[in-house]
């Protein structure tokens, strides 16, 4: 994507918010805002402002929910291990946040490394004894890194001005037959369309300039394949928008949102602790076939 010129970025406007239009871009094959923020603008946002302004309770809530997060992360590592041979256990986490995904892998016997633009999150990770660099993953930082068997890219691509270039860089950073796991919000999904078109909800999932790109299973899959990968597994996460359809309006209501999220965690923990984790995984894989679920979870192998 050429972020300096918008002449090639054409498509119908599907939303508008905060001075930005979201277009279904014919050039890129996925929805994104115009104009696209500069790298310099984003660097300032994510180094200092993001956790303070957008997610002030993020680290505290993360700690509260750590048992659930470790359950989520364990499943992610299990999928990697299903597709990789036993000697391939070298993980790199891009946008590694407070470090708990890496810590989970380290405790499973993986060699782990991360990179994180937030000073606060990076310092927390290092406090856990993890090898985490401060900064953005880019051509400059990639050149100083080793290659890896697996790369985790959780809730990153929606923030990146040029997702295709990032995925191509990741492709080069992977060893032969290496894998990437990509998680992005599943935006403009069927439940959200019902909420918008029939129940009068504004498109609350549109959040520029922090969220630049808006993917679904189809558009992310096509982008991944164009960048030299083969999709080997996809599933959704819990369709949290379903609470809105049932009358539990958590938009702008942190207390109600916390109640809904706690119910979601209780459901998933009950399934796993009862030995029905496979049923839960099959359910989320089935939901992905119908483009339903709050997030796209996609595993792809390097061709």
C-alpha atoms as a PDB file:
ATOM      1  CA  UNK A   1       0.000   0.000   0.000  1.00  0.00           C
ATOM      2  CA  UNK A   2       1.330   3.427  -0.889  1.00  0.00           C
ATOM      3  CA  UNK A   3       0.318   5.472   2.139  1.00  0.00           C
ATOM      4  CA  UNK A   4       1.573   8.725   0.662  1.00  0.00           C
ATOM      5  CA  UNK A   5      -0.886   8.787  -2.229  1.00  0.00           C
ATOM      6  CA  UNK A   6      -4.566   7.949  -2.104  1.00  0.00           C
ATOM      7  CA  UNK A   7      -5.273   8.027  -5.836  1.00  0.00           C
ATOM      8  CA  UNK A   8      -5.210   4.209  -6.059  1.00  0.00           C
ATOM      9  CA  UNK A   9      -7.339   3.736  -2.961  1.00  0.00           C
ATOM     10  CA  UNK A  10     -10.883   3.697  -4.251  1.00  0.00           C
ATOM     11  CA  UNK A  11     -14.055   2.005  -3.134  1.00  0.00           C
ATOM     12  CA  UNK A  12     -17.426   2.684  -1.572  1.00  0.00           C
ATOM     13  CA  UNK A  13     -17.485   4.484   1.768  1.00  0.00           C
ATOM     14  CA  UNK A  14     -18.870   2.088   4.378  1.00  0.00           C
ATOM     15  CA  UNK A  15     -18.470   4.249   7.503  1.00  0.00           C
ATOM     16  CA  UNK A  16     -17.214   7.627   8.674  1.00  0.00           C
ATOM     17  CA  UNK A  17     -15.890   8.592  12.091  1.00  0.00           C
ATOM     18  CA  UNK A  18     -13.629  11.209  13.681  1.00  0.00           C
ATOM     19  CA  UNK A  19     -12.859  12.924  10.375  1.00  0.00           C
ATOM     20  CA  UNK A  20     -11.978   9.694   8.544  1.00  0.00           C
ATOM     21  CA  UNK A  21     -13.858   7.688   5.916  1.00  0.00           C
ATOM     22  CA  UNK A  22     -13.682   3.897   5.830  1.00  0.00           C
ATOM     23  CA  UNK A  23     -13.624   2.601   2.272  1.00  0.00           C
ATOM     24  CA  UNK A  24     -13.938  -0.941   0.960  1.00  0.00           C
ATOM     25  CA  UNK A  25     -10.727  -0.514  -1.012  1.00  0.00           C
ATOM     26  CA  UNK A  26     -10.584  -2.130  -4.448  1.00  0.00           C
ATOM     27  CA  UNK A  27      -6.807  -1.655  -4.548  1.00  0.00           C
ATOM     28  CA  UNK A  28      -6.014  -3.285  -1.190  1.00  0.00           C
ATOM     29  CA  UNK A  29      -8.784  -5.870  -1.021  1.00  0.00           C
ATOM     30  CA  UNK A  30      -9.837  -4.894   2.510  1.00  0.00           C
ATOM     31  CA  UNK A  31     -11.490  -1.956   4.253  1.00  0.00           C
ATOM     32  CA  UNK A  32      -9.349   0.868   5.614  1.00  0.00           C
ATOM     33  CA  UNK A  33      -9.566   4.513   6.571  1.00  0.00           C
ATOM     34  CA  UNK A  34      -8.532   7.476   4.464  1.00  0.00           C
ATOM     35  CA  UNK A  35      -6.413   9.406   4.987  1.00  0.00           C
ATOM     36  CA  UNK A  36      -3.973   6.876   6.452  1.00  0.00           C
ATOM     37  CA  UNK A  37      -1.980   8.277   9.402  1.00  0.00           C
ATOM     38  CA  UNK A  38       1.762   8.660   9.004  1.00  0.00           C
ATOM     39  CA  UNK A  39       4.213   6.347  10.704  1.00  0.00           C
ATOM     40  CA  UNK A  40       5.426   9.312  12.771  1.00  0.00           C
ATOM     41  CA  UNK A  41       1.922  10.034  14.092  1.00  0.00           C
ATOM     42  CA  UNK A  42       1.383   6.405  15.033  1.00  0.00           C
ATOM     43  CA  UNK A  43       4.773   6.145  16.702  1.00  0.00           C
ATOM     44  CA  UNK A  44       3.865   8.941  19.095  1.00  0.00           C
ATOM     45  CA  UNK A  45       0.476   7.422  19.848  1.00  0.00           C
ATOM     46  CA  UNK A  46       1.700   3.934  20.678  1.00  0.00           C
ATOM     47  CA  UNK A  47       4.875   4.825  22.542  1.00  0.00           C
ATOM     48  CA  UNK A  48       3.094   6.827  25.206  1.00  0.00           C
ATOM     49  CA  UNK A  49      -0.596   7.560  24.717  1.00  0.00           C
ATOM     50  CA  UNK A  50      -2.292   4.273  23.839  1.00  0.00           C
ATOM     51  CA  UNK A  51      -2.256   2.512  27.201  1.00  0.00           C
ATOM     52  CA  UNK A  52      -2.863   5.757  29.106  1.00  0.00           C
ATOM     53  CA  UNK A  53      -5.721   7.101  27.010  1.00  0.00           C
ATOM     54  CA  UNK A  54      -7.293   4.163  25.172  1.00  0.00           C
ATOM     55  CA  UNK A  55      -6.676   1.331  27.642  1.00  0.00           C
ATOM     56  CA  UNK A  56      -6.051   2.821  31.094  1.00  0.00           C
ATOM     57  CA  UNK A  57      -7.271  -0.350  32.867  1.00  0.00           C
ATOM     58  CA  UNK A  58      -5.699  -2.779  30.402  1.00  0.00           C
ATOM     59  CA  UNK A  59      -2.810  -4.096  32.511  1.00  0.00           C
ATOM     60  CA  UNK A  60      -4.917  -4.355  35.674  1.00  0.00           C
ATOM     61  CA  UNK A  61      -7.671  -6.248  33.877  1.00  0.00           C
ATOM     62  CA  UNK A  62      -5.109  -8.464  32.188  1.00  0.00           C
ATOM     63  CA  UNK A  63      -3.789  -9.513  35.583  1.00  0.00           C
ATOM     64  CA  UNK A  64      -7.307 -10.185  36.861  1.00  0.00           C
ATOM     65  CA  UNK A  65      -8.064 -12.379  33.841  1.00  0.00           C
ATOM     66  CA  UNK A  66      -4.700 -14.120  33.631  1.00  0.00           C
ATOM     67  CA  UNK A  67      -6.067 -17.649  34.156  1.00  0.00           C
ATOM     68  CA  UNK A  68      -8.375 -17.159  31.200  1.00  0.00           C
ATOM     69  CA  UNK A  69      -5.657 -15.586  29.065  1.00  0.00           C
ATOM     70  CA  UNK A  70      -3.348 -18.529  29.754  1.00  0.00           C
ATOM     71  CA  UNK A  71      -6.114 -20.861  28.604  1.00  0.00           C
ATOM     72  CA  UNK A  72      -6.377 -18.858  25.359  1.00  0.00           C
ATOM     73  CA  UNK A  73      -2.625 -18.838  24.891  1.00  0.00           C
ATOM     74  CA  UNK A  74      -2.268 -22.539  25.613  1.00  0.00           C
ATOM     75  CA  UNK A  75      -4.673 -23.322  22.783  1.00  0.00           C
ATOM     76  CA  UNK A  76      -2.685 -21.072  20.457  1.00  0.00           C
ATOM     77  CA  UNK A  77       0.563 -22.866  21.251  1.00  0.00           C
ATOM     78  CA  UNK A  78      -1.158 -26.242  20.857  1.00  0.00           C
ATOM     79  CA  UNK A  79      -2.193 -25.310  17.313  1.00  0.00           C
ATOM     80  CA  UNK A  80       1.345 -24.230  16.490  1.00  0.00           C
ATOM     81  CA  UNK A  81       2.696 -27.493  17.929  1.00  0.00           C
ATOM     82  CA  UNK A  82       0.202 -29.528  15.910  1.00  0.00           C
ATOM     83  CA  UNK A  83       1.588 -28.143  12.644  1.00  0.00           C
ATOM     84  CA  UNK A  84       5.285 -27.729  13.483  1.00  0.00           C
ATOM     85  CA  UNK A  85       7.826 -30.483  14.096  1.00  0.00           C
ATOM     86  CA  UNK A  86       9.132 -30.934  17.646  1.00  0.00           C
ATOM     87  CA  UNK A  87      12.392 -29.086  16.958  1.00  0.00           C
ATOM     88  CA  UNK A  88      10.559 -25.933  15.804  1.00  0.00           C
ATOM     89  CA  UNK A  89       9.973 -24.070  19.048  1.00  0.00           C
ATOM     90  CA  UNK A  90      11.337 -20.574  18.469  1.00  0.00           C
ATOM     91  CA  UNK A  91       8.659 -17.870  18.900  1.00  0.00           C
ATOM     92  CA  UNK A  92       8.634 -14.158  18.098  1.00  0.00           C
ATOM     93  CA  UNK A  93       5.734 -12.008  19.301  1.00  0.00           C
ATOM     94  CA  UNK A  94       5.151  -8.715  17.470  1.00  0.00           C
ATOM     95  CA  UNK A  95       3.347  -6.232  19.687  1.00  0.00           C
ATOM     96  CA  UNK A  96       3.967  -8.473  22.687  1.00  0.00           C
ATOM     97  CA  UNK A  97       2.118  -6.282  25.177  1.00  0.00           C
ATOM     98  CA  UNK A  98       2.714  -7.114  28.844  1.00  0.00           C
ATOM     99  CA  UNK A  99       4.436 -10.375  27.896  1.00  0.00           C
ATOM    100  CA  UNK A 100       2.119 -13.081  29.159  1.00  0.00           C
ATOM    101  CA  UNK A 101       1.838 -14.852  25.799  1.00  0.00           C
ATOM    102  CA  UNK A 102       5.623 -15.166  25.711  1.00  0.00           C
ATOM    103  CA  UNK A 103       5.747 -16.280  29.335  1.00  0.00           C
ATOM    104  CA  UNK A 104       3.238 -19.035  28.563  1.00  0.00           C
ATOM    105  CA  UNK A 105       5.453 -20.256  25.725  1.00  0.00           C
ATOM    106  CA  UNK A 106       8.601 -20.071  27.827  1.00  0.00           C
ATOM    107  CA  UNK A 107       6.941 -22.266  30.443  1.00  0.00           C
ATOM    108  CA  UNK A 108       6.066 -24.765  27.677  1.00  0.00           C
ATOM    109  CA  UNK A 109       9.732 -25.003  26.660  1.00  0.00           C
ATOM    110  CA  UNK A 110       9.744 -22.546  23.767  1.00  0.00           C
ATOM    111  CA  UNK A 111      12.523 -20.044  23.094  1.00  0.00           C
ATOM    112  CA  UNK A 112      10.750 -16.678  23.038  1.00  0.00           C
ATOM    113  CA  UNK A 113      11.394 -13.072  22.062  1.00  0.00           C
ATOM    114  CA  UNK A 114       9.139 -10.048  21.608  1.00  0.00           C
ATOM    115  CA  UNK A 115       9.004  -6.475  20.409  1.00  0.00           C
ATOM    116  CA  UNK A 116       6.635  -3.870  21.863  1.00  0.00           C
ATOM    117  CA  UNK A 117       6.185  -0.120  21.148  1.00  0.00           C
ATOM    118  CA  UNK A 118       4.586   0.760  24.497  1.00  0.00           C
ATOM    119  CA  UNK A 119       7.181   1.675  27.117  1.00  0.00           C
ATOM    120  CA  UNK A 120       4.863   0.626  29.942  1.00  0.00           C
ATOM    121  CA  UNK A 121       4.107  -2.791  28.454  1.00  0.00           C
ATOM    122  CA  UNK A 122       7.738  -3.400  27.490  1.00  0.00           C
ATOM    123  CA  UNK A 123       8.945  -2.616  31.018  1.00  0.00           C
ATOM    124  CA  UNK A 124       6.337  -4.980  32.439  1.00  0.00           C
ATOM    125  CA  UNK A 125       7.571  -7.750  30.127  1.00  0.00           C
ATOM    126  CA  UNK A 126      11.167  -7.249  31.118  1.00  0.00           C
ATOM    127  CA  UNK A 127      10.049  -7.378  34.738  1.00  0.00           C
ATOM    128  CA  UNK A 128       8.893 -10.937  34.007  1.00  0.00           C
ATOM    129  CA  UNK A 129      12.421 -11.760  32.825  1.00  0.00           C
ATOM    130  CA  UNK A 130      11.489 -11.801  29.137  1.00  0.00           C
ATOM    131  CA  UNK A 131      13.616 -10.773  26.158  1.00  0.00           C
ATOM    132  CA  UNK A 132      11.528  -7.934  24.706  1.00  0.00           C
ATOM    133  CA  UNK A 133      12.841  -5.095  22.552  1.00  0.00           C
ATOM    134  CA  UNK A 134      11.273  -1.647  22.634  1.00  0.00           C
ATOM    135  CA  UNK A 135      10.040  -0.338  19.291  1.00  0.00           C
ATOM    136  CA  UNK A 136       8.089  -1.182  16.176  1.00  0.00           C
ATOM    137  CA  UNK A 137       8.768  -4.198  14.009  1.00  0.00           C
ATOM    138  CA  UNK A 138      10.086  -2.756  10.733  1.00  0.00           C
ATOM    139  CA  UNK A 139      12.710  -3.355   8.081  1.00  0.00           C
ATOM    140  CA  UNK A 140      15.210  -1.637  10.348  1.00  0.00           C
ATOM    141  CA  UNK A 141      14.462  -3.688  13.466  1.00  0.00           C
ATOM    142  CA  UNK A 142      13.975  -6.917  11.505  1.00  0.00           C
ATOM    143  CA  UNK A 143      17.518  -6.736  10.152  1.00  0.00           C
ATOM    144  CA  UNK A 144      18.939  -7.151  13.667  1.00  0.00           C
ATOM    145  CA  UNK A 145      16.791 -10.181  14.481  1.00  0.00           C
ATOM    146  CA  UNK A 146      17.280 -13.885  13.974  1.00  0.00           C
ATOM    147  CA  UNK A 147      14.745 -16.027  12.111  1.00  0.00           C
ATOM    148  CA  UNK A 148      11.935 -17.840  13.897  1.00  0.00           C
ATOM    149  CA  UNK A 149       9.782 -20.941  13.590  1.00  0.00           C
ATOM    150  CA  UNK A 150       6.603 -19.131  14.654  1.00  0.00           C
ATOM    151  CA  UNK A 151       5.473 -15.525  14.804  1.00  0.00           C
ATOM    152  CA  UNK A 152       2.496 -14.252  16.743  1.00  0.00           C
ATOM    153  CA  UNK A 153       0.694 -11.159  15.450  1.00  0.00           C
ATOM    154  CA  UNK A 154      -2.161 -10.530  17.848  1.00  0.00           C
ATOM    155  CA  UNK A 155      -4.346  -7.460  17.218  1.00  0.00           C
ATOM    156  CA  UNK A 156      -1.632  -5.653  15.257  1.00  0.00           C
ATOM    157  CA  UNK A 157      -2.607  -5.561  11.570  1.00  0.00           C
ATOM    158  CA  UNK A 158      -5.580  -3.287  12.177  1.00  0.00           C
ATOM    159  CA  UNK A 159      -3.139  -0.625  13.444  1.00  0.00           C
ATOM    160  CA  UNK A 160      -0.560  -0.843  10.623  1.00  0.00           C
ATOM    161  CA  UNK A 161      -0.472   1.609   7.672  1.00  0.00           C
ATOM    162  CA  UNK A 162       0.786  -1.084   5.264  1.00  0.00           C
ATOM    163  CA  UNK A 163      -0.315  -4.610   6.292  1.00  0.00           C
ATOM    164  CA  UNK A 164       0.935  -6.278   3.099  1.00  0.00           C
ATOM    165  CA  UNK A 165       4.482  -5.010   3.564  1.00  0.00           C
ATOM    166  CA  UNK A 166       4.467  -6.159   7.182  1.00  0.00           C
ATOM    167  CA  UNK A 167       3.317  -9.663   6.238  1.00  0.00           C
ATOM    168  CA  UNK A 168       5.979  -9.917   3.525  1.00  0.00           C
ATOM    169  CA  UNK A 169       8.604  -8.900   6.075  1.00  0.00           C
ATOM    170  CA  UNK A 170       7.305 -11.565   8.452  1.00  0.00           C
ATOM    171  CA  UNK A 171       7.531 -14.090   5.621  1.00  0.00           C
ATOM    172  CA  UNK A 172      11.275 -13.400   5.363  1.00  0.00           C
ATOM    173  CA  UNK A 173      11.677 -13.571   9.155  1.00  0.00           C
ATOM    174  CA  UNK A 174      10.311 -17.130   9.300  1.00  0.00           C
ATOM    175  CA  UNK A 175      12.330 -20.293   8.897  1.00  0.00           C
ATOM    176  CA  UNK A 176      11.291 -22.783   6.202  1.00  0.00           C
ATOM    177  CA  UNK A 177       7.827 -24.170   6.943  1.00  0.00           C
ATOM    178  CA  UNK A 178       7.430 -21.586   9.701  1.00  0.00           C
ATOM    179  CA  UNK A 179       4.031 -20.321  10.753  1.00  0.00           C
ATOM    180  CA  UNK A 180       2.331 -17.078  11.665  1.00  0.00           C
ATOM    181  CA  UNK A 181      -0.769 -16.653  13.815  1.00  0.00           C
ATOM    182  CA  UNK A 182      -2.747 -13.510  13.026  1.00  0.00           C
ATOM    183  CA  UNK A 183      -5.585 -12.190  15.169  1.00  0.00           C
ATOM    184  CA  UNK A 184      -7.614  -9.188  13.999  1.00  0.00           C
ATOM    185  CA  UNK A 185     -11.073  -7.869  14.846  1.00  0.00           C
ATOM    186  CA  UNK A 186     -13.756  -9.418  12.661  1.00  0.00           C
ATOM    187  CA  UNK A 187     -15.274  -6.123  11.575  1.00  0.00           C
ATOM    188  CA  UNK A 188     -18.530  -5.545   9.719  1.00  0.00           C
ATOM    189  CA  UNK A 189     -19.442  -9.114  10.684  1.00  0.00           C
ATOM    190  CA  UNK A 190     -23.021 -10.403  10.300  1.00  0.00           C
ATOM    191  CA  UNK A 191     -24.033  -9.617  13.900  1.00  0.00           C
ATOM    192  CA  UNK A 192     -22.700  -6.069  13.614  1.00  0.00           C
ATOM    193  CA  UNK A 193     -24.573  -5.521  10.369  1.00  0.00           C
ATOM    194  CA  UNK A 194     -27.843  -6.534  12.060  1.00  0.00           C
ATOM    195  CA  UNK A 195     -27.073  -4.181  14.952  1.00  0.00           C
ATOM    196  CA  UNK A 196     -26.300  -1.319  12.576  1.00  0.00           C
ATOM    197  CA  UNK A 197     -29.005  -1.805   9.978  1.00  0.00           C
ATOM    198  CA  UNK A 198     -31.918  -3.063  12.089  1.00  0.00           C
ATOM    199  CA  UNK A 199     -31.319  -1.977  15.691  1.00  0.00           C
ATOM    200  CA  UNK A 200     -29.940   1.513  15.136  1.00  0.00           C
ATOM    201  CA  UNK A 201     -26.422   1.030  16.511  1.00  0.00           C
ATOM    202  CA  UNK A 202     -23.673   3.259  15.204  1.00  0.00           C
ATOM    203  CA  UNK A 203     -20.678   1.275  13.871  1.00  0.00           C
ATOM    204  CA  UNK A 204     -18.985   1.230  17.298  1.00  0.00           C
ATOM    205  CA  UNK A 205     -16.185  -0.986  15.953  1.00  0.00           C
ATOM    206  CA  UNK A 206     -14.897   1.834  13.708  1.00  0.00           C
ATOM    207  CA  UNK A 207     -12.148   3.562  15.723  1.00  0.00           C
ATOM    208  CA  UNK A 208      -9.784   5.737  13.673  1.00  0.00           C
ATOM    209  CA  UNK A 209      -6.968   6.594  13.826  1.00  0.00           C
ATOM    210  CA  UNK A 210      -6.045   3.697  16.141  1.00  0.00           C
ATOM    211  CA  UNK A 211      -7.830   1.202  13.907  1.00  0.00           C
ATOM    212  CA  UNK A 212      -6.734   1.867  10.349  1.00  0.00           C
ATOM    213  CA  UNK A 213      -7.765  -1.424   8.700  1.00  0.00           C
ATOM    214  CA  UNK A 214     -10.966  -3.482   8.999  1.00  0.00           C
ATOM    215  CA  UNK A 215     -10.716  -7.162   8.103  1.00  0.00           C
ATOM    216  CA  UNK A 216     -12.966 -10.200   7.942  1.00  0.00           C
ATOM    217  CA  UNK A 217     -12.148 -13.869   7.315  1.00  0.00           C
ATOM    218  CA  UNK A 218     -12.295 -13.508   3.548  1.00  0.00           C
ATOM    219  CA  UNK A 219     -10.242 -10.336   3.148  1.00  0.00           C
ATOM    220  CA  UNK A 220      -7.566 -11.423   5.633  1.00  0.00           C
ATOM    221  CA  UNK A 221      -7.273 -14.858   4.021  1.00  0.00           C
ATOM    222  CA  UNK A 222      -6.762 -13.347   0.578  1.00  0.00           C
ATOM    223  CA  UNK A 223      -4.173 -10.884   1.883  1.00  0.00           C
ATOM    224  CA  UNK A 224      -2.251 -13.637   3.662  1.00  0.00           C
ATOM    225  CA  UNK A 225      -2.159 -15.767   0.513  1.00  0.00           C
ATOM    226  CA  UNK A 226      -0.974 -12.821  -1.618  1.00  0.00           C
ATOM    227  CA  UNK A 227       1.924 -12.391   0.802  1.00  0.00           C
ATOM    228  CA  UNK A 228       3.240 -15.936   0.353  1.00  0.00           C
ATOM    229  CA  UNK A 229       1.388 -17.943   2.984  1.00  0.00           C
ATOM    230  CA  UNK A 230      -1.042 -20.840   2.997  1.00  0.00           C
ATOM    231  CA  UNK A 231      -3.892 -20.758   5.521  1.00  0.00           C
ATOM    232  CA  UNK A 232      -3.853 -23.978   7.578  1.00  0.00           C
ATOM    233  CA  UNK A 233      -6.343 -23.198  10.349  1.00  0.00           C
ATOM    234  CA  UNK A 234      -8.920 -20.543  11.146  1.00  0.00           C
ATOM    235  CA  UNK A 235     -11.371 -20.020  13.939  1.00  0.00           C
ATOM    236  CA  UNK A 236     -13.272 -17.188  15.558  1.00  0.00           C
ATOM    237  CA  UNK A 237     -13.418 -15.947  19.102  1.00  0.00           C
ATOM    238  CA  UNK A 238     -16.566 -15.655  21.194  1.00  0.00           C
ATOM    239  CA  UNK A 239     -19.228 -13.579  19.360  1.00  0.00           C
ATOM    240  CA  UNK A 240     -19.422 -10.910  22.061  1.00  0.00           C
ATOM    241  CA  UNK A 241     -21.700  -8.784  19.827  1.00  0.00           C
ATOM    242  CA  UNK A 242     -24.366 -11.372  20.608  1.00  0.00           C
ATOM    243  CA  UNK A 243     -24.869  -9.742  24.010  1.00  0.00           C
ATOM    244  CA  UNK A 244     -25.919  -6.541  22.227  1.00  0.00           C
ATOM    245  CA  UNK A 245     -28.444  -8.497  20.188  1.00  0.00           C
ATOM    246  CA  UNK A 246     -29.858  -9.902  23.446  1.00  0.00           C
ATOM    247  CA  UNK A 247     -30.269  -6.440  24.983  1.00  0.00           C
ATOM    248  CA  UNK A 248     -27.105  -6.129  27.072  1.00  0.00           C
ATOM    249  CA  UNK A 249     -25.805  -2.812  25.744  1.00  0.00           C
ATOM    250  CA  UNK A 250     -22.173  -2.524  26.831  1.00  0.00           C
ATOM    251  CA  UNK A 251     -21.216   0.193  24.339  1.00  0.00           C
ATOM    252  CA  UNK A 252     -19.696   3.018  26.359  1.00  0.00           C
ATOM    253  CA  UNK A 253     -20.578   1.195  29.573  1.00  0.00           C
ATOM    254  CA  UNK A 254     -17.455  -0.306  31.093  1.00  0.00           C
ATOM    255  CA  UNK A 255     -19.328  -1.931  33.976  1.00  0.00           C
ATOM    256  CA  UNK A 256     -21.760  -3.714  31.644  1.00  0.00           C
ATOM    257  CA  UNK A 257     -18.927  -4.643  29.312  1.00  0.00           C
ATOM    258  CA  UNK A 258     -17.085  -6.226  32.206  1.00  0.00           C
ATOM    259  CA  UNK A 259     -20.175  -8.252  33.119  1.00  0.00           C
ATOM    260  CA  UNK A 260     -20.498  -9.573  29.558  1.00  0.00           C
ATOM    261  CA  UNK A 261     -16.801 -10.379  29.310  1.00  0.00           C
ATOM    262  CA  UNK A 262     -16.915 -12.236  32.642  1.00  0.00           C
ATOM    263  CA  UNK A 263     -19.788 -14.375  31.342  1.00  0.00           C
ATOM    264  CA  UNK A 264     -17.774 -15.147  28.230  1.00  0.00           C
ATOM    265  CA  UNK A 265     -14.762 -16.175  30.342  1.00  0.00           C
ATOM    266  CA  UNK A 266     -16.953 -18.323  32.606  1.00  0.00           C
ATOM    267  CA  UNK A 267     -18.387 -20.144  29.602  1.00  0.00           C
ATOM    268  CA  UNK A 268     -14.979 -20.881  28.089  1.00  0.00           C
ATOM    269  CA  UNK A 269     -13.378 -21.907  31.374  1.00  0.00           C
ATOM    270  CA  UNK A 270     -16.283 -24.254  32.142  1.00  0.00           C
ATOM    271  CA  UNK A 271     -15.886 -25.921  28.758  1.00  0.00           C
ATOM    272  CA  UNK A 272     -12.140 -26.371  29.164  1.00  0.00           C
ATOM    273  CA  UNK A 273     -12.156 -27.418  32.797  1.00  0.00           C
ATOM    274  CA  UNK A 274     -14.820 -30.048  32.061  1.00  0.00           C
ATOM    275  CA  UNK A 275     -12.638 -31.626  29.379  1.00  0.00           C
ATOM    276  CA  UNK A 276     -14.718 -30.198  26.532  1.00  0.00           C
ATOM    277  CA  UNK A 277     -12.060 -27.886  25.129  1.00  0.00           C
ATOM    278  CA  UNK A 278     -12.157 -29.743  21.815  1.00  0.00           C
ATOM    279  CA  UNK A 279     -15.888 -29.056  21.541  1.00  0.00           C
ATOM    280  CA  UNK A 280     -15.213 -25.373  22.143  1.00  0.00           C
ATOM    281  CA  UNK A 281     -12.500 -25.345  19.480  1.00  0.00           C
ATOM    282  CA  UNK A 282     -14.803 -27.069  17.007  1.00  0.00           C
ATOM    283  CA  UNK A 283     -17.531 -24.528  17.773  1.00  0.00           C
ATOM    284  CA  UNK A 284     -15.264 -21.570  17.048  1.00  0.00           C
ATOM    285  CA  UNK A 285     -13.982 -23.225  13.866  1.00  0.00           C
ATOM    286  CA  UNK A 286     -17.581 -23.710  12.743  1.00  0.00           C
ATOM    287  CA  UNK A 287     -18.450 -20.087  13.520  1.00  0.00           C
ATOM    288  CA  UNK A 288     -15.523 -19.001  11.363  1.00  0.00           C
ATOM    289  CA  UNK A 289     -17.079 -20.828   8.414  1.00  0.00           C
ATOM    290  CA  UNK A 290     -20.043 -18.480   8.757  1.00  0.00           C
ATOM    291  CA  UNK A 291     -17.905 -15.341   9.315  1.00  0.00           C
ATOM    292  CA  UNK A 292     -19.296 -15.024  12.856  1.00  0.00           C
ATOM    293  CA  UNK A 293     -17.240 -14.165  15.945  1.00  0.00           C
ATOM    294  CA  UNK A 294     -15.630 -11.030  17.318  1.00  0.00           C
ATOM    295  CA  UNK A 295     -12.128 -11.821  16.071  1.00  0.00           C
ATOM    296  CA  UNK A 296     -10.504 -13.638  13.184  1.00  0.00           C
ATOM    297  CA  UNK A 297      -7.858 -16.125  14.338  1.00  0.00           C
ATOM    298  CA  UNK A 298      -5.820 -17.369  11.373  1.00  0.00           C
ATOM    299  CA  UNK A 299      -2.782 -19.657  11.257  1.00  0.00           C
ATOM    300  CA  UNK A 300      -0.774 -19.731   8.035  1.00  0.00           C
ATOM    301  CA  UNK A 301       2.356 -21.555   6.919  1.00  0.00           C
ATOM    302  CA  UNK A 302       5.173 -20.085   4.886  1.00  0.00           C
ATOM    303  CA  UNK A 303       5.122 -21.425   1.333  1.00  0.00           C
END
